[in-house]
Amino acid sequence: MIEYRVLTLRGQSSAGPAVVHPVVFFDGADVVLCDAGFPGQVEQIDAELKKHGLSVGGLTKIVITHHDHDHMGSLRALKETNPGIEIVADEREADFIEGAKTSLRLVQARALNASLTGADLGFGQWFCSYLETIQPCAVDRRLGPEDRSVIDGLEVVPTPGHMPGHVSLYLRDAALLVSGDALAAQDGRLMMANPKFTLDMAEAVRSVERLAAMRIDTVVCYHGGVVSGDIRRMLDVLLGMHGSA
């Protein structure tokens, strides 16, 4: 049986202090971490894992939902700490994670800077410089359309929109969705991904439509934490607010 634990990492985003929630899955054979926090968080990740009798040294896989800085920030440092970790990502995200292609977030930020002036431009330039410091990491396993099992019972669910290759994880036996940034949460309520940082909002809505057709009892949002209850109703409300894609 696969167990899971929700981790809490405290970092600094472009908007100020930020709390994010990676999730670890373990079944006696594998220890799988979903997402890798901000840069410089290896010790914090290890401390969170140790609360549950786990450690960075015991990780066997890391699944990256997408290549944003707050999801892969400590990825390479984790791999350097434990070279035996298998890095797993969707094939559409892998080149960005490896640095073979320029981060789409950096492309977006550079384009926005062209319209900024004064203090806003100064911040935009700082943000671009920060994004350029994110260390790439080799992806050991690229997930294609027919390769959706991380370990037996833990599945990858394509949820593009926020990023083209964004994925979520689904623990079928627990009806648990780890949403990455496909969904967010605030005060126990589900929210759509922030439109400001979602590259294709119509595609993001279509992803939520697909999630609404699944049996989901609990959602773990990277931004916002755990949401339980009538998930289908919550998703239907979101879709009603954002319209059909």
Protein backbone atom coordinates (compact mmCIF):
# COMPACT_ATOMS: atom_id res chain seq x y z
CA MET A 1 0.00 0.00 0.00
CA ILE A 2 1.24 3.46 -0.88
CA GLU A 3 1.28 6.00 1.93
CA TYR A 4 1.75 9.72 1.48
CA ARG A 5 2.71 12.73 3.56
CA VAL A 6 2.34 16.42 2.77
CA LEU A 7 5.46 18.50 3.40
CA THR A 8 5.56 22.21 4.23
CA LEU A 9 8.40 24.37 2.93
CA ARG A 10 8.79 28.06 3.71
CA GLY A 11 10.57 30.18 1.14
CA GLN A 12 10.58 33.50 -0.65
CA SER A 13 8.71 34.12 -3.89
CA SER A 14 8.66 37.20 -6.10
CA ALA A 15 5.58 38.33 -4.13
CA GLY A 16 7.15 37.82 -0.69
CA PRO A 17 7.16 34.95 1.83
CA ALA A 18 5.73 31.75 0.38
CA VAL A 19 4.67 28.36 1.69
CA VAL A 20 4.61 25.38 -0.68
CA HIS A 21 3.64 21.76 -0.25
CA PRO A 22 5.60 18.98 -1.93
CA VAL A 23 4.24 15.49 -1.31
CA VAL A 24 6.15 12.28 -0.60
CA PHE A 25 4.83 8.80 -1.41
CA PHE A 26 6.32 5.58 -0.04
CA ASP A 27 5.43 1.90 -0.28
CA GLY A 28 8.32 -0.02 1.26
CA ALA A 29 10.19 -0.23 -2.04
CA ASP A 30 10.17 3.35 -3.35
CA VAL A 31 10.15 6.81 -1.83
CA VAL A 32 8.83 9.31 -4.38
CA LEU A 33 8.95 13.08 -3.90
CA CYS A 34 6.65 15.26 -5.99
CA ASP A 35 8.33 18.63 -6.67
CA ALA A 36 11.48 20.08 -5.20
CA GLY A 37 10.81 23.49 -3.73
CA PHE A 38 12.70 26.75 -4.12
CA PRO A 39 16.49 26.95 -4.49
CA GLY A 40 18.41 26.30 -1.28
CA GLN A 41 15.82 24.09 0.39
CA VAL A 42 17.56 20.70 0.53
CA GLU A 43 18.07 20.89 4.29
CA GLN A 44 14.47 21.97 4.82
CA ILE A 45 13.20 19.13 2.61
CA ASP A 46 15.36 16.64 4.52
CA ALA A 47 14.05 17.95 7.85
CA GLU A 48 10.46 17.59 6.65
CA LEU A 49 11.11 14.06 5.42
CA LYS A 50 12.72 13.09 8.72
CA LYS A 51 9.50 14.00 10.54
CA HIS A 52 8.07 10.93 8.81
CA GLY A 53 11.05 8.61 9.19
CA LEU A 54 12.35 9.38 5.69
CA SER A 55 15.30 11.32 4.29
CA VAL A 56 16.75 12.78 1.11
CA GLY A 57 19.24 9.90 1.15
CA GLY A 58 16.36 7.44 0.92
CA LEU A 59 14.56 9.05 -2.02
CA THR A 60 14.32 6.83 -5.10
CA LYS A 61 12.43 9.17 -7.46
CA ILE A 62 11.47 12.81 -7.84
CA VAL A 63 8.58 13.73 -10.11
CA ILE A 64 8.55 17.34 -11.31
CA THR A 65 5.10 18.64 -12.24
CA HIS A 66 6.58 21.45 -14.36
CA HIS A 67 9.69 23.57 -14.67
CA ASP A 68 8.77 26.64 -12.61
CA HIS A 69 11.48 27.85 -10.23
CA ASP A 70 9.54 27.01 -7.07
CA HIS A 71 8.98 23.41 -8.19
CA MET A 72 12.48 22.53 -9.44
CA GLY A 73 14.54 25.05 -7.48
CA SER A 74 16.36 22.47 -5.34
CA LEU A 75 16.16 19.62 -7.83
CA ARG A 76 19.79 19.55 -8.92
CA ALA A 77 21.03 19.94 -5.35
CA LEU A 78 18.85 17.00 -4.30
CA LYS A 79 20.27 14.92 -7.15
CA GLU A 80 23.81 15.89 -6.17
CA THR A 81 23.06 14.92 -2.56
CA ASN A 82 21.64 11.56 -3.64
CA PRO A 83 22.83 10.66 -7.17
CA GLY A 84 20.68 7.51 -7.13
CA ILE A 85 17.45 9.49 -7.39
CA GLU A 86 15.59 8.98 -10.68
CA ILE A 87 14.28 12.30 -12.00
CA VAL A 88 10.91 11.91 -13.74
CA ALA A 89 9.03 14.48 -15.84
CA ASP A 90 6.69 14.75 -18.78
CA GLU A 91 8.51 14.69 -22.11
CA ARG A 92 7.19 18.21 -22.90
CA GLU A 93 8.84 19.60 -19.76
CA ALA A 94 12.11 17.69 -19.84
CA ASP A 95 14.08 20.01 -22.14
CA PHE A 96 13.19 23.00 -19.95
CA ILE A 97 14.20 21.16 -16.77
CA GLU A 98 17.50 20.15 -18.38
CA GLY A 99 18.18 23.69 -19.63
CA ALA A 100 18.18 22.68 -23.30
CA LYS A 101 15.33 25.16 -23.83
CA THR A 102 14.85 28.54 -22.17
CA SER A 103 12.37 28.52 -19.30
CA LEU A 104 8.96 29.63 -20.49
CA ARG A 105 8.61 31.64 -17.28
CA LEU A 106 11.79 33.49 -18.17
CA VAL A 107 10.52 34.08 -21.72
CA GLN A 108 7.29 35.47 -20.26
CA ALA A 109 9.13 37.71 -17.80
CA ARG A 110 11.47 39.11 -20.44
CA ALA A 111 8.53 39.92 -22.71
CA LEU A 112 6.71 41.68 -19.87
CA ASN A 113 9.77 43.79 -19.06
CA ALA A 114 9.50 45.43 -22.48
CA SER A 115 6.34 47.21 -21.27
CA LEU A 116 7.59 48.17 -17.79
CA THR A 117 9.24 51.33 -16.49
CA GLY A 118 10.73 52.60 -13.24
CA ALA A 119 10.50 50.44 -10.15
CA ASP A 120 8.38 47.85 -11.94
CA LEU A 121 11.10 47.42 -14.55
CA GLY A 122 13.73 47.15 -11.83
CA PHE A 123 11.78 44.36 -10.18
CA GLY A 124 11.20 42.66 -13.54
CA GLN A 125 14.92 42.73 -14.28
CA TRP A 126 15.67 41.28 -10.85
CA PHE A 127 13.13 38.50 -11.40
CA CYS A 128 14.70 37.59 -14.74
CA SER A 129 18.14 37.52 -13.15
CA TYR A 130 16.80 35.25 -10.42
CA LEU A 131 15.21 32.87 -12.93
CA GLU A 132 18.52 32.65 -14.76
CA THR A 133 20.13 31.23 -11.59
CA ILE A 134 17.85 28.16 -11.46
CA GLN A 135 20.09 25.15 -11.97
CA PRO A 136 19.06 22.66 -14.66
CA CYS A 137 19.02 18.95 -13.96
CA ALA A 138 19.11 15.90 -16.20
CA VAL A 139 15.80 14.06 -16.52
CA ASP A 140 16.27 10.30 -16.24
CA ARG A 141 12.80 9.29 -17.36
CA ARG A 142 10.68 11.21 -19.85
CA LEU A 143 7.01 10.31 -19.62
CA GLY A 144 5.20 9.90 -22.93
CA PRO A 145 1.48 9.47 -23.63
CA GLU A 146 1.60 5.72 -22.94
CA ASP A 147 3.91 5.92 -19.91
CA ARG A 148 1.83 7.19 -17.02
CA SER A 149 2.73 5.01 -14.02
CA VAL A 150 5.33 6.39 -11.61
CA ILE A 151 5.10 3.31 -9.39
CA ASP A 152 2.31 0.76 -9.29
CA GLY A 153 -0.77 2.62 -8.02
CA LEU A 154 0.61 6.16 -8.50
CA GLU A 155 -0.29 7.68 -11.87
CA VAL A 156 0.61 10.80 -13.80
CA VAL A 157 -2.35 12.86 -15.04
CA PRO A 158 -1.63 15.39 -17.81
CA THR A 159 -2.94 18.81 -16.73
CA PRO A 160 -1.53 21.28 -19.27
CA GLY A 161 -2.35 24.97 -19.23
CA HIS A 162 -0.26 26.51 -16.48
CA MET A 163 2.64 25.08 -18.49
CA PRO A 164 2.39 23.01 -21.68
CA GLY A 165 3.69 19.81 -20.07
CA HIS A 166 2.23 20.29 -16.60
CA VAL A 167 1.23 17.06 -14.86
CA SER A 168 -0.53 16.14 -11.63
CA LEU A 169 -0.28 12.88 -9.67
CA TYR A 170 -3.18 10.59 -8.79
CA LEU A 171 -3.10 8.01 -6.01
CA ARG A 172 -6.00 5.84 -7.10
CA ASP A 173 -6.55 3.83 -3.90
CA ALA A 174 -6.88 7.02 -1.86
CA ALA A 175 -8.68 9.04 -4.56
CA LEU A 176 -5.98 11.65 -3.96
CA LEU A 177 -4.89 14.26 -6.49
CA VAL A 178 -1.61 16.14 -6.12
CA SER A 179 -2.43 19.05 -8.37
CA GLY A 180 0.87 20.89 -8.73
CA ASP A 181 -0.23 24.29 -10.05
CA ALA A 182 -3.25 23.00 -12.00
CA LEU A 183 -5.26 24.07 -8.94
CA ALA A 184 -4.55 26.25 -5.92
CA ALA A 185 -6.31 26.57 -2.58
CA GLN A 186 -7.19 29.32 -0.16
CA ASP A 187 -9.09 28.95 3.12
CA GLY A 188 -10.00 25.37 2.24
CA ARG A 189 -11.44 26.29 -1.16
CA LEU A 190 -10.12 25.26 -4.55
CA MET A 191 -9.10 27.93 -7.03
CA MET A 192 -7.98 27.96 -10.64
CA ALA A 193 -4.31 28.41 -11.37
CA ASN A 194 -3.32 32.08 -11.23
CA PRO A 195 -4.11 33.51 -14.70
CA LYS A 196 -1.11 35.83 -14.40
CA PHE A 197 1.23 32.85 -14.48
CA THR A 198 -0.84 30.45 -16.59
CA LEU A 199 0.40 30.34 -20.17
CA ASP A 200 -2.82 28.94 -21.67
CA MET A 201 -5.88 29.60 -19.52
CA ALA A 202 -8.31 27.86 -21.89
CA GLU A 203 -6.18 24.71 -21.72
CA ALA A 204 -6.01 25.02 -17.94
CA VAL A 205 -9.82 25.07 -17.80
CA ARG A 206 -9.98 22.00 -20.02
CA SER A 207 -7.63 20.24 -17.60
CA VAL A 208 -9.96 21.03 -14.71
CA GLU A 209 -12.87 19.69 -16.76
CA ARG A 210 -11.01 16.39 -17.06
CA LEU A 211 -10.25 16.37 -13.34
CA ALA A 212 -13.94 16.91 -12.58
CA ALA A 213 -14.69 13.59 -14.30
CA MET A 214 -12.35 11.69 -11.96
CA ARG A 215 -13.06 10.23 -8.53
CA ILE A 216 -11.22 12.61 -6.23
CA ASP A 217 -11.80 12.86 -2.49
CA THR A 218 -8.75 14.94 -1.56
CA VAL A 219 -6.61 17.48 -3.42
CA VAL A 220 -3.16 18.58 -2.32
CA CYS A 221 -2.37 21.95 -3.88
CA TYR A 222 1.26 23.04 -4.02
CA HIS A 223 0.02 26.52 -3.13
CA GLY A 224 -2.61 26.18 -0.43
CA GLY A 225 -2.29 22.64 0.88
CA VAL A 226 -4.95 20.00 1.48
CA VAL A 227 -8.59 20.34 0.43
CA SER A 228 -11.13 17.61 1.19
CA GLY A 229 -14.88 17.29 0.86
CA ASP A 230 -17.14 17.43 -2.17
CA ILE A 231 -14.34 17.97 -4.68
CA ARG A 232 -16.60 17.42 -7.69
CA ARG A 233 -18.91 20.21 -6.55
CA MET A 234 -15.94 22.54 -5.94
CA LEU A 235 -14.59 21.85 -9.42
CA ASP A 236 -18.02 22.38 -10.97
CA VAL A 237 -18.24 25.75 -9.21
CA LEU A 238 -14.84 26.73 -10.60
CA LEU A 239 -15.84 25.69 -14.09
CA GLY A 240 -19.06 27.67 -13.78
CA MET A 241 -17.05 30.76 -12.84
CA HIS A 242 -14.51 30.38 -15.63
CA GLY A 243 -16.81 29.07 -18.34
CA SER A 244 -16.32 26.18 -20.69
CA ALA A 245 -12.99 26.00 -22.48
